[in-house]
C-alpha atoms as a PDB file:
ATOM      1  CA  GLU A   1     106.436 104.090  76.791  1.00  0.00           C
ATOM      2  CA  VAL A   2     107.207 100.903  78.540  1.00  0.00           C
ATOM      3  CA  GLN A   3     104.705 100.170  81.421  1.00  0.00           C
ATOM      4  CA  LEU A   4     104.665  97.191  83.914  1.00  0.00           C
ATOM      5  CA  GLN A   5     102.212  96.526  86.861  1.00  0.00           C
ATOM      6  CA  ALA A   6     103.028  93.815  89.425  1.00  0.00           C
ATOM      7  CA  SER A   7      99.932  92.279  91.132  1.00  0.00           C
ATOM      8  CA  GLY A   8      98.988  89.143  93.071  1.00  0.00           C
ATOM      9  CA  GLY A   9     100.831  89.577  96.347  1.00  0.00           C
ATOM     10  CA  GLY A  10      99.409  89.065  99.600  1.00  0.00           C
ATOM     11  CA  LEU A  11      99.715  87.273 102.953  1.00  0.00           C
ATOM     12  CA  VAL A  12     100.558  83.620 102.988  1.00  0.00           C
ATOM     13  CA  GLN A  13     101.551  80.960 105.537  1.00  0.00           C
ATOM     14  CA  ALA A  14     105.014  79.401 105.131  1.00  0.00           C
ATOM     15  CA  GLY A  15     104.674  76.404 102.784  1.00  0.00           C
ATOM     16  CA  GLY A  16     101.972  78.104 100.775  1.00  0.00           C
ATOM     17  CA  SER A  17     101.848  79.321  97.290  1.00  0.00           C
ATOM     18  CA  LEU A  18     101.037  82.710  95.382  1.00  0.00           C
ATOM     19  CA  ARG A  19     101.141  83.785  91.747  1.00  0.00           C
ATOM     20  CA  LEU A  20     102.463  86.892  90.889  1.00  0.00           C
ATOM     21  CA  SER A  21     101.506  88.734  87.709  1.00  0.00           C
ATOM     22  CA  CYS A  22     103.141  91.345  85.572  1.00  0.00           C
ATOM     23  CA  ALA A  23     101.163  93.193  82.921  1.00  0.00           C
ATOM     24  CA  THR A  24     103.356  94.736  80.398  1.00  0.00           C
ATOM     25  CA  SER A  25     102.950  97.317  77.472  1.00  0.00           C
ATOM     26  CA  GLY A  26     104.937  99.512  75.342  1.00  0.00           C
ATOM     27  CA  PHE A  27     107.373  97.046  74.045  1.00  0.00           C
ATOM     28  CA  THR A  28     107.532  94.148  71.467  1.00  0.00           C
ATOM     29  CA  PHE A  29     106.626  91.025  73.299  1.00  0.00           C
ATOM     30  CA  GLY A  30     107.225  87.502  72.216  1.00  0.00           C
ATOM     31  CA  ALA A  31     108.644  86.069  69.075  1.00  0.00           C
ATOM     32  CA  ASP A  32     109.307  89.472  67.591  1.00  0.00           C
ATOM     33  CA  GLY A  33     110.681  91.131  70.771  1.00  0.00           C
ATOM     34  CA  ASP A  34     114.190  91.290  72.389  1.00  0.00           C
ATOM     35  CA  TYR A  35     113.175  92.242  75.907  1.00  0.00           C
ATOM     36  CA  VAL A  36     113.838  90.479  79.064  1.00  0.00           C
ATOM     37  CA  VAL A  37     111.382  90.906  81.950  1.00  0.00           C
ATOM     38  CA  GLY A  38     112.789  90.361  85.444  1.00  0.00           C
ATOM     39  CA  TRP A  39     111.407  89.772  88.788  1.00  0.00           C
ATOM     40  CA  PHE A  40     113.212  91.495  91.581  1.00  0.00           C
ATOM     41  CA  ARG A  41     112.478  91.753  95.399  1.00  0.00           C
ATOM     42  CA  GLN A  42     113.438  94.035  98.145  1.00  0.00           C
ATOM     43  CA  ALA A  43     113.047  92.916 101.738  1.00  0.00           C
ATOM     44  CA  PRO A  44     112.818  95.723 104.570  1.00  0.00           C
ATOM     45  CA  GLY A  45     116.368  97.170 105.167  1.00  0.00           C
ATOM     46  CA  LYS A  46     117.852  95.464 102.084  1.00  0.00           C
ATOM     47  CA  GLY A  47     118.830  96.038  98.709  1.00  0.00           C
ATOM     48  CA  ARG A  48     116.852  94.864  95.626  1.00  0.00           C
ATOM     49  CA  GLU A  49     117.732  91.544  94.440  1.00  0.00           C
ATOM     50  CA  GLY A  50     117.110  89.610  91.301  1.00  0.00           C
ATOM     51  CA  VAL A  51     114.688  86.587  91.712  1.00  0.00           C
ATOM     52  CA  SER A  52     114.063  85.397  88.269  1.00  0.00           C
ATOM     53  CA  CYS A  53     113.825  86.627  84.623  1.00  0.00           C
ATOM     54  CA  ILE A  54     112.500  85.426  81.349  1.00  0.00           C
ATOM     55  CA  LYS A  55     112.921  86.302  77.687  1.00  0.00           C
ATOM     56  CA  PRO A  56     109.484  85.730  76.164  1.00  0.00           C
ATOM     57  CA  LYS A  57     111.041  85.532  72.618  1.00  0.00           C
ATOM     58  CA  ASP A  58     112.873  82.223  73.420  1.00  0.00           C
ATOM     59  CA  GLY A  59     111.619  81.230  76.739  1.00  0.00           C
ATOM     60  CA  SER A  60     115.194  81.387  78.287  1.00  0.00           C
ATOM     61  CA  THR A  61     114.867  81.723  82.266  1.00  0.00           C
ATOM     62  CA  TYR A  62     117.181  82.308  85.061  1.00  0.00           C
ATOM     63  CA  TYR A  63     116.500  81.685  88.872  1.00  0.00           C
ATOM     64  CA  GLU A  64     118.315  82.930  91.803  1.00  0.00           C
ATOM     65  CA  ASP A  65     119.762  79.949  93.667  1.00  0.00           C
ATOM     66  CA  SER A  66     117.534  80.374  96.735  1.00  0.00           C
ATOM     67  CA  VAL A  67     114.265  79.933  94.609  1.00  0.00           C
ATOM     68  CA  LYS A  68     115.284  77.245  92.207  1.00  0.00           C
ATOM     69  CA  GLY A  69     112.760  74.300  92.426  1.00  0.00           C
ATOM     70  CA  ARG A  70     110.352  76.753  94.223  1.00  0.00           C
ATOM     71  CA  PHE A  71     109.614  79.461  91.867  1.00  0.00           C
ATOM     72  CA  THR A  72     108.707  79.150  88.223  1.00  0.00           C
ATOM     73  CA  VAL A  73     108.546  82.158  85.729  1.00  0.00           C
ATOM     74  CA  SER A  74     106.546  82.122  82.563  1.00  0.00           C
ATOM     75  CA  SER A  75     105.044  84.283  79.983  1.00  0.00           C
ATOM     76  CA  ASP A  76     101.916  84.729  77.734  1.00  0.00           C
ATOM     77  CA  SER A  77     102.642  86.444  74.673  1.00  0.00           C
ATOM     78  CA  ALA A  78      99.015  86.850  73.552  1.00  0.00           C
ATOM     79  CA  LYS A  79      98.290  88.740  76.769  1.00  0.00           C
ATOM     80  CA  LYS A  80     101.667  90.346  77.169  1.00  0.00           C
ATOM     81  CA  MET A  81     101.816  89.107  80.807  1.00  0.00           C
ATOM     82  CA  VAL A  82     104.585  87.580  82.794  1.00  0.00           C
ATOM     83  CA  TYR A  83     103.969  85.374  85.784  1.00  0.00           C
ATOM     84  CA  LEU A  84     105.998  84.238  88.877  1.00  0.00           C
ATOM     85  CA  GLN A  85     104.441  81.000  90.428  1.00  0.00           C
ATOM     86  CA  MET A  86     105.848  80.746  94.027  1.00  0.00           C
ATOM     87  CA  ASN A  87     105.577  77.487  95.793  1.00  0.00           C
ATOM     88  CA  ASN A  88     106.656  76.377  99.166  1.00  0.00           C
ATOM     89  CA  LEU A  89     107.227  79.975 100.276  1.00  0.00           C
ATOM     90  CA  LYS A  90     109.458  80.713 103.247  1.00  0.00           C
ATOM     91  CA  LEU A  91     109.707  83.314 105.860  1.00  0.00           C
ATOM     92  CA  GLU A  92     112.649  84.733 103.956  1.00  0.00           C
ATOM     93  CA  ASP A  93     110.700  85.244 100.812  1.00  0.00           C
ATOM     94  CA  THR A  94     108.925  88.150 102.636  1.00  0.00           C
ATOM     95  CA  ALA A  95     109.574  91.207 100.472  1.00  0.00           C
ATOM     96  CA  ARG A  96     108.165  93.732  97.865  1.00  0.00           C
ATOM     97  CA  TYR A  97     108.372  92.113  94.464  1.00  0.00           C
ATOM     98  CA  PHE A  98     108.877  94.086  91.372  1.00  0.00           C
ATOM     99  CA  CYS A  99     108.830  93.291  87.644  1.00  0.00           C
ATOM    100  CA  ALA A 100     111.171  95.242  85.357  1.00  0.00           C
ATOM    101  CA  ALA A 101     112.081  95.187  81.657  1.00  0.00           C
ATOM    102  CA  ASP A 102     114.996  95.692  79.359  1.00  0.00           C
ATOM    103  CA  GLY A 103     115.998  95.369  75.969  1.00  0.00           C
ATOM    104  CA  PRO A 104     117.353  94.313  73.758  1.00  0.00           C
ATOM    105  CA  ALA A 105     118.804  91.858  76.187  1.00  0.00           C
ATOM    106  CA  ARG A 106     119.656  88.151  76.997  1.00  0.00           C
ATOM    107  CA  VAL A 107     119.114  86.050  80.029  1.00  0.00           C
ATOM    108  CA  GLY A 108     122.028  85.415  81.919  1.00  0.00           C
ATOM    109  CA  LYS A 109     123.129  85.248  85.740  1.00  0.00           C
ATOM    110  CA  MET A 110     124.995  88.538  86.086  1.00  0.00           C
ATOM    111  CA  TYR A 111     122.321  90.364  83.972  1.00  0.00           C
ATOM    112  CA  CYS A 112     119.182  89.219  85.741  1.00  0.00           C
ATOM    113  CA  ALA A 113     120.717  89.440  89.165  1.00  0.00           C
ATOM    114  CA  THR A 114     121.657  93.254  88.689  1.00  0.00           C
ATOM    115  CA  PRO A 115     118.600  95.697  88.923  1.00  0.00           C
ATOM    116  CA  GLU A 116     120.656  98.467  87.496  1.00  0.00           C
ATOM    117  CA  PHE A 117     120.725  96.824  83.991  1.00  0.00           C
ATOM    118  CA  PHE A 118     116.814  97.119  83.917  1.00  0.00           C
ATOM    119  CA  ASP A 119     115.398 100.426  82.559  1.00  0.00           C
ATOM    120  CA  ASP A 120     111.892 100.137  83.251  1.00  0.00           C
ATOM    121  CA  TRP A 121     110.055  99.394  86.351  1.00  0.00           C
ATOM    122  CA  GLY A 122     106.604  98.758  87.757  1.00  0.00           C
ATOM    123  CA  GLN A 123     105.266  99.483  91.256  1.00  0.00           C
ATOM    124  CA  GLY A 124     105.736  96.405  93.391  1.00  0.00           C
ATOM    125  CA  THR A 125     103.320  94.071  95.191  1.00  0.00           C
ATOM    126  CA  LEU A 126     103.934  93.011  98.829  1.00  0.00           C
ATOM    127  CA  VAL A 127     104.485  89.365  99.758  1.00  0.00           C
ATOM    128  CA  THR A 128     104.359  88.458 103.415  1.00  0.00           C
ATOM    129  CA  VAL A 129     104.994  84.934 104.453  1.00  0.00           C
ATOM    130  CA  SER A 130     104.082  84.130 108.190  1.00  0.00           C
ATOM    131  CA  SER A 131     105.013  81.325 110.188  1.00  0.00           C
END
């Protein structure tokens, strides 16, 4: 059974940083795995949108345009963890952030931006950016 758990959210001032973590289990991670792990967010009253994703096997990544240069996704195969380092946070980054997994899959804009392609989801973690 694939399981994911996001953590690390909190309240931060605009311009600040947070690092989200996603603990994973139940699928082959890293060099022998074909899974993609994505980060999605959902702001109040809005739909879920893809933020970033990574394929730990080859390190390929995707970033949504509004977070490019500010967010960095990474993975640790030994710990089966995926991270999202968020710098220079803006008010519009306020949302509940989720990690999700799907495989076999490859990183691509359309795939990583579409929540419906991901089968397994963790509970989200809330990020609130204040002015």
